[in-house]
Amino acid sequence: MCEVWRQEQLAYINSVCEGAERKAALCGLMEQEGELIASIGRHKIQADAKNSERGIMQFLNKVTHFTSLYITDHIILFCVIV
């Protein structure tokens, strides 16, 4: 998707600008592209961290879920669902 946007912007710059104006527009385009890529990277890192945390919490909830506590002849048994 980023590549399609970049190609559209490049085509527009090439059709409208010449010389130093074109070079300046291409530099601006490159800067915008870098900002977009950095933003996508930050969002990916945040999503990965959130998914990792969610997975850890689900695992801990499964492991620590005690369904019942049975006391039989002074022996305590825990029934754990894994």
N, C-alpha and C. Protein backbone atom coordinates (compact mmCIF):
# COMPACT_ATOMS: atom_id res chain seq x y z
N MET A 1 0.83 -1.18 0.00
CA MET A 1 0.00 0.00 0.00
C MET A 1 0.88 1.25 0.00
N CYS A 2 1.94 1.25 0.78
CA CYS A 2 2.85 2.37 0.83
C CYS A 2 3.51 2.58 -0.53
N GLU A 3 3.81 1.49 -1.20
CA GLU A 3 4.46 1.57 -2.51
C GLU A 3 3.53 2.20 -3.54
N VAL A 4 2.24 1.87 -3.50
CA VAL A 4 1.27 2.46 -4.43
C VAL A 4 1.20 3.96 -4.21
N TRP A 5 1.12 4.37 -2.94
CA TRP A 5 1.08 5.80 -2.61
C TRP A 5 2.33 6.50 -3.13
N ARG A 6 3.50 5.89 -2.90
CA ARG A 6 4.76 6.49 -3.32
C ARG A 6 4.81 6.64 -4.84
N GLN A 7 4.36 5.61 -5.56
CA GLN A 7 4.36 5.67 -7.03
C GLN A 7 3.43 6.78 -7.53
N GLU A 8 2.27 6.93 -6.90
CA GLU A 8 1.33 7.99 -7.30
C GLU A 8 1.95 9.36 -7.06
N GLN A 9 2.58 9.54 -5.90
CA GLN A 9 3.21 10.82 -5.59
C GLN A 9 4.37 11.11 -6.55
N LEU A 10 5.15 10.09 -6.84
CA LEU A 10 6.28 10.23 -7.75
C LEU A 10 5.80 10.63 -9.15
N ALA A 11 4.75 10.00 -9.64
CA ALA A 11 4.20 10.32 -10.95
C ALA A 11 3.70 11.77 -10.97
N TYR A 12 3.05 12.19 -9.89
CA TYR A 12 2.57 13.58 -9.82
C TYR A 12 3.74 14.56 -9.83
N ILE A 13 4.75 14.31 -9.03
CA ILE A 13 5.92 15.19 -8.97
C ILE A 13 6.59 15.27 -10.33
N ASN A 14 6.77 14.13 -10.99
CA ASN A 14 7.42 14.12 -12.30
C ASN A 14 6.61 14.85 -13.36
N SER A 15 5.29 14.85 -13.23
CA SER A 15 4.46 15.51 -14.24
C SER A 15 4.31 17.01 -14.01
N VAL A 16 4.53 17.46 -12.79
CA VAL A 16 4.28 18.87 -12.46
C VAL A 16 5.56 19.67 -12.25
N CYS A 17 6.59 19.04 -11.72
CA CYS A 17 7.79 19.77 -11.30
C CYS A 17 8.97 19.52 -12.23
N GLU A 18 9.88 20.51 -12.25
CA GLU A 18 11.13 20.39 -13.02
C GLU A 18 12.27 20.99 -12.23
N GLY A 19 13.49 20.54 -12.53
CA GLY A 19 14.69 21.13 -11.97
C GLY A 19 14.78 21.06 -10.46
N ALA A 20 15.14 22.18 -9.85
CA ALA A 20 15.34 22.24 -8.40
C ALA A 20 14.03 22.00 -7.65
N GLU A 21 12.93 22.44 -8.21
CA GLU A 21 11.62 22.22 -7.57
C GLU A 21 11.32 20.72 -7.49
N ARG A 22 11.66 20.00 -8.57
CA ARG A 22 11.45 18.54 -8.60
C ARG A 22 12.32 17.86 -7.55
N LYS A 23 13.57 18.27 -7.47
CA LYS A 23 14.48 17.68 -6.48
C LYS A 23 13.98 17.92 -5.06
N ALA A 24 13.51 19.12 -4.80
CA ALA A 24 12.98 19.43 -3.47
C ALA A 24 11.74 18.60 -3.16
N ALA A 25 10.87 18.43 -4.17
CA ALA A 25 9.66 17.63 -3.97
C ALA A 25 10.01 16.16 -3.74
N LEU A 26 11.03 15.65 -4.45
CA LEU A 26 11.46 14.27 -4.25
C LEU A 26 12.07 14.07 -2.86
N CYS A 27 12.81 15.07 -2.38
CA CYS A 27 13.35 15.00 -1.02
C CYS A 27 12.22 14.98 0.01
N GLY A 28 11.22 15.81 -0.20
CA GLY A 28 10.05 15.83 0.69
C GLY A 28 9.32 14.51 0.68
N LEU A 29 9.18 13.92 -0.52
CA LEU A 29 8.53 12.62 -0.64
C LEU A 29 9.30 11.55 0.12
N MET A 30 10.62 11.58 0.00
CA MET A 30 11.45 10.60 0.70
C MET A 30 11.32 10.78 2.22
N GLU A 31 11.24 12.01 2.67
CA GLU A 31 11.07 12.27 4.11
C GLU A 31 9.70 11.75 4.60
N GLN A 32 8.66 12.01 3.83
CA GLN A 32 7.33 11.52 4.20
C GLN A 32 7.30 9.99 4.24
N GLU A 33 7.93 9.37 3.26
CA GLU A 33 7.97 7.91 3.21
C GLU A 33 8.68 7.35 4.44
N GLY A 34 9.79 7.98 4.83
CA GLY A 34 10.51 7.55 6.03
C GLY A 34 9.67 7.68 7.28
N GLU A 35 8.92 8.77 7.39
CA GLU A 35 8.04 8.96 8.55
C GLU A 35 6.94 7.90 8.59
N LEU A 36 6.38 7.59 7.43
CA LEU A 36 5.33 6.56 7.38
C LEU A 36 5.87 5.19 7.77
N ILE A 37 7.05 4.86 7.26
CA ILE A 37 7.65 3.56 7.58
C ILE A 37 7.95 3.48 9.07
N ALA A 38 8.47 4.56 9.65
CA ALA A 38 8.76 4.58 11.09
C ALA A 38 7.47 4.44 11.90
N SER A 39 6.42 5.10 11.46
CA SER A 39 5.13 5.00 12.16
C SER A 39 4.57 3.59 12.10
N ILE A 40 4.67 2.96 10.95
CA ILE A 40 4.21 1.57 10.80
C ILE A 40 5.02 0.66 11.73
N GLY A 41 6.32 0.89 11.80
CA GLY A 41 7.18 0.11 12.69
C GLY A 41 6.79 0.26 14.15
N ARG A 42 6.49 1.50 14.56
CA ARG A 42 6.07 1.72 15.96
C ARG A 42 4.75 1.01 16.26
N HIS A 43 3.82 1.08 15.33
CA HIS A 43 2.53 0.40 15.53
C HIS A 43 2.72 -1.11 15.61
N LYS A 44 3.61 -1.65 14.81
CA LYS A 44 3.86 -3.09 14.83
C LYS A 44 4.46 -3.50 16.17
N ILE A 45 5.40 -2.73 16.68
CA ILE A 45 6.01 -3.03 17.98
C ILE A 45 4.95 -3.00 19.08
N GLN A 46 4.08 -1.99 19.06
CA GLN A 46 3.02 -1.90 20.06
C GLN A 46 2.06 -3.08 19.96
N ALA A 47 1.68 -3.45 18.75
CA ALA A 47 0.76 -4.58 18.56
C ALA A 47 1.40 -5.89 19.02
N ASP A 48 2.68 -6.08 18.69
CA ASP A 48 3.39 -7.29 19.12
C ASP A 48 3.46 -7.38 20.63
N ALA A 49 3.73 -6.26 21.29
CA ALA A 49 3.81 -6.25 22.75
C ALA A 49 2.45 -6.56 23.37
N LYS A 50 1.40 -5.98 22.81
CA LYS A 50 0.06 -6.21 23.32
C LYS A 50 -0.34 -7.68 23.14
N ASN A 51 -0.05 -8.24 21.96
CA ASN A 51 -0.39 -9.65 21.70
C ASN A 51 0.41 -10.58 22.60
N SER A 52 1.67 -10.25 22.84
CA SER A 52 2.50 -11.07 23.70
C SER A 52 1.96 -11.05 25.13
N GLU A 53 1.62 -9.86 25.59
CA GLU A 53 1.06 -9.73 26.95
C GLU A 53 -0.25 -10.50 27.07
N ARG A 54 -1.09 -10.42 26.05
CA ARG A 54 -2.37 -11.12 26.06
C ARG A 54 -2.13 -12.64 26.12
N GLY A 55 -1.17 -13.13 25.35
CA GLY A 55 -0.86 -14.56 25.34
C GLY A 55 -0.34 -15.03 26.69
N ILE A 56 0.52 -14.24 27.31
CA ILE A 56 1.05 -14.59 28.63
C ILE A 56 -0.08 -14.63 29.65
N MET A 57 -0.97 -13.64 29.62
CA MET A 57 -2.07 -13.61 30.58
C MET A 57 -3.01 -14.81 30.38
N GLN A 58 -3.28 -15.17 29.14
CA GLN A 58 -4.13 -16.34 28.89
C GLN A 58 -3.48 -17.60 29.41
N PHE A 59 -2.18 -17.75 29.20
CA PHE A 59 -1.47 -18.91 29.71
C PHE A 59 -1.52 -18.95 31.23
N LEU A 60 -1.24 -17.82 31.88
CA LEU A 60 -1.27 -17.78 33.34
C LEU A 60 -2.66 -18.07 33.89
N ASN A 61 -3.68 -17.56 33.23
CA ASN A 61 -5.06 -17.84 33.66
C ASN A 61 -5.38 -19.33 33.58
N LYS A 62 -4.90 -19.99 32.53
CA LYS A 62 -5.14 -21.42 32.39
C LYS A 62 -4.39 -22.21 33.45
N VAL A 63 -3.14 -21.85 33.67
CA VAL A 63 -2.30 -22.59 34.60
C VAL A 63 -2.76 -22.41 36.04
N THR A 64 -3.21 -21.24 36.40
CA THR A 64 -3.54 -20.96 37.79
C THR A 64 -5.02 -21.09 38.11
N HIS A 65 -5.80 -21.62 37.19
CA HIS A 65 -7.23 -21.73 37.42
C HIS A 65 -7.53 -22.99 38.26
N PHE A 66 -7.79 -22.78 39.52
CA PHE A 66 -8.13 -23.89 40.41
C PHE A 66 -9.64 -24.04 40.40
N THR A 67 -10.10 -25.22 40.07
CA THR A 67 -11.54 -25.43 40.01
C THR A 67 -12.12 -25.79 41.37
N SER A 68 -11.40 -26.56 42.12
CA SER A 68 -11.96 -27.01 43.39
C SER A 68 -10.84 -27.32 44.36
N LEU A 69 -11.19 -27.31 45.60
CA LEU A 69 -10.27 -27.71 46.67
C LEU A 69 -10.95 -28.86 47.40
N TYR A 70 -10.33 -30.04 47.35
CA TYR A 70 -10.90 -31.22 47.97
C TYR A 70 -10.11 -31.56 49.24
N ILE A 71 -10.80 -31.80 50.33
CA ILE A 71 -10.15 -32.22 51.57
C ILE A 71 -10.68 -33.61 51.90
N THR A 72 -9.79 -34.62 51.82
CA THR A 72 -10.15 -36.00 52.08
C THR A 72 -9.12 -36.60 53.01
N ASP A 73 -9.54 -37.04 54.18
CA ASP A 73 -8.65 -37.64 55.16
C ASP A 73 -7.41 -36.78 55.42
N HIS A 74 -7.64 -35.51 55.59
CA HIS A 74 -6.59 -34.55 55.91
C HIS A 74 -5.56 -34.35 54.77
N ILE A 75 -5.91 -34.80 53.59
CA ILE A 75 -5.05 -34.59 52.43
C ILE A 75 -5.74 -33.57 51.54
N ILE A 76 -5.03 -32.54 51.20
CA ILE A 76 -5.61 -31.48 50.36
C ILE A 76 -5.16 -31.72 48.93
N LEU A 77 -6.15 -31.82 48.04
CA LEU A 77 -5.87 -32.02 46.63
C LEU A 77 -6.41 -30.82 45.85
N PHE A 78 -5.66 -30.35 44.93
CA PHE A 78 -6.12 -29.27 44.05
C PHE A 78 -6.38 -29.85 42.68
N CYS A 79 -7.51 -29.50 42.16
CA CYS A 79 -7.85 -29.91 40.79
C CYS A 79 -7.56 -28.72 39.89
N VAL A 80 -6.64 -28.89 38.99
CA VAL A 80 -6.22 -27.80 38.13
C VAL A 80 -6.60 -28.12 36.69
N ILE A 81 -7.21 -27.14 36.02
CA ILE A 81 -7.52 -27.28 34.60
C ILE A 81 -6.41 -26.62 33.81
N VAL A 82 -5.79 -27.38 32.93
CA VAL A 82 -4.69 -26.83 32.11
C VAL A 82 -5.10 -26.84 30.67
